[in-house]
Amino acid sequence: MNNWEKKRLEISAKYAAGAADEGDYAEAADAEIAHLREALKEVEEYFDQRADAEYFTDSAAPFPNEEMKLLGIVREALAGKP
């Protein structure tokens, strides 16, 4: 069980006992965001190793493969762009 899961269980127990407050929810949200950022960093590494573009003779610009497209989306998410 990782830290995020432990924090989620701790907040759930506090909530069930009626003892959770806004600070607990903010702390849980911060832990979840950190967990998701770590997951996105792993996804970024995966796509970075597989990103490529195809060049066609009848086109001036290269065509990115699916991994390259998804890499851009992941990097925007990590940068905090909508």
Protein backbone atom coordinates (compact mmCIF):
# COMPACT_ATOMS: atom_id res chain seq x y z
CA MET A 1 0.00 0.00 0.00
CA ASN A 2 1.48 3.34 -1.02
CA ASN A 3 1.25 6.64 0.88
CA TRP A 4 -1.65 7.86 -1.20
CA GLU A 5 -3.72 4.77 -0.43
CA LYS A 6 -2.87 5.02 3.28
CA LYS A 7 -3.94 8.67 3.35
CA ARG A 8 -7.19 7.86 1.55
CA LEU A 9 -8.02 5.13 4.07
CA GLU A 10 -7.13 7.43 6.97
CA ILE A 11 -9.44 10.18 5.69
CA SER A 12 -12.21 7.65 5.01
CA ALA A 13 -11.98 6.43 8.61
CA LYS A 14 -12.06 10.00 9.93
CA TYR A 15 -15.04 10.77 7.71
CA ALA A 16 -16.91 7.70 8.94
CA ALA A 17 -16.25 8.79 12.53
CA GLY A 18 -17.39 12.34 11.74
CA ALA A 19 -13.95 13.74 12.53
CA ALA A 20 -12.66 14.77 9.08
CA ASP A 21 -12.19 18.48 8.41
CA GLU A 22 -11.28 20.63 5.39
CA GLY A 23 -7.57 20.30 6.11
CA ASP A 24 -7.87 16.53 5.91
CA TYR A 25 -9.59 16.75 2.54
CA ALA A 26 -6.99 19.21 1.24
CA GLU A 27 -4.19 16.93 2.41
CA ALA A 28 -5.82 13.94 0.74
CA ALA A 29 -6.28 15.90 -2.49
CA ASP A 30 -2.62 16.97 -2.45
CA ALA A 31 -1.54 13.36 -1.94
CA GLU A 32 -3.75 12.20 -4.80
CA ILE A 33 -2.41 14.89 -7.12
CA ALA A 34 1.17 13.91 -6.26
CA HIS A 35 0.29 10.27 -6.98
CA LEU A 36 -1.22 11.18 -10.36
CA ARG A 37 1.79 13.34 -11.28
CA GLU A 38 4.12 10.42 -10.60
CA ALA A 39 1.98 8.19 -12.80
CA LEU A 40 2.03 10.80 -15.58
CA LYS A 41 5.82 11.00 -15.35
CA GLU A 42 6.03 7.25 -15.92
CA VAL A 43 3.67 7.55 -18.89
CA GLU A 44 5.76 10.43 -20.24
CA GLU A 45 8.91 8.28 -20.10
CA TYR A 46 7.13 5.42 -21.89
CA PHE A 47 5.86 7.63 -24.72
CA ASP A 48 9.15 9.51 -24.99
CA GLN A 49 10.95 6.25 -25.78
CA ARG A 50 8.40 5.41 -28.50
CA ALA A 51 7.64 8.81 -30.04
CA ASP A 52 8.54 9.12 -33.71
CA ALA A 53 7.43 10.85 -36.88
CA GLU A 54 6.94 9.60 -40.40
CA TYR A 55 8.11 11.58 -43.39
CA PHE A 56 6.24 11.31 -46.67
CA THR A 57 7.63 12.58 -49.97
CA ASP A 58 4.43 14.41 -50.86
CA SER A 59 4.30 16.35 -47.56
CA ALA A 60 6.51 19.14 -46.29
CA ALA A 61 5.85 18.33 -42.64
CA PRO A 62 6.36 15.06 -40.78
CA PHE A 63 3.40 13.14 -39.34
CA PRO A 64 3.75 12.24 -35.66
CA ASN A 65 2.90 8.71 -34.57
CA GLU A 66 0.27 8.15 -31.87
CA GLU A 67 2.89 7.98 -29.12
CA MET A 68 4.26 11.39 -30.12
CA LYS A 69 0.76 12.89 -30.06
CA LEU A 70 0.05 11.42 -26.62
CA LEU A 71 3.47 12.53 -25.34
CA GLY A 72 2.51 16.12 -26.13
CA ILE A 73 -0.76 15.77 -24.21
CA VAL A 74 1.01 14.25 -21.19
CA ARG A 75 3.66 16.98 -21.18
CA GLU A 76 0.98 19.68 -21.33
CA ALA A 77 -0.78 18.06 -18.38
CA LEU A 78 2.46 17.94 -16.38
CA ALA A 79 3.10 21.59 -17.23
CA GLY A 80 -0.35 22.49 -15.95
CA LYS A 81 -1.73 23.62 -19.30
CA PRO A 82 -5.44 23.08 -20.04
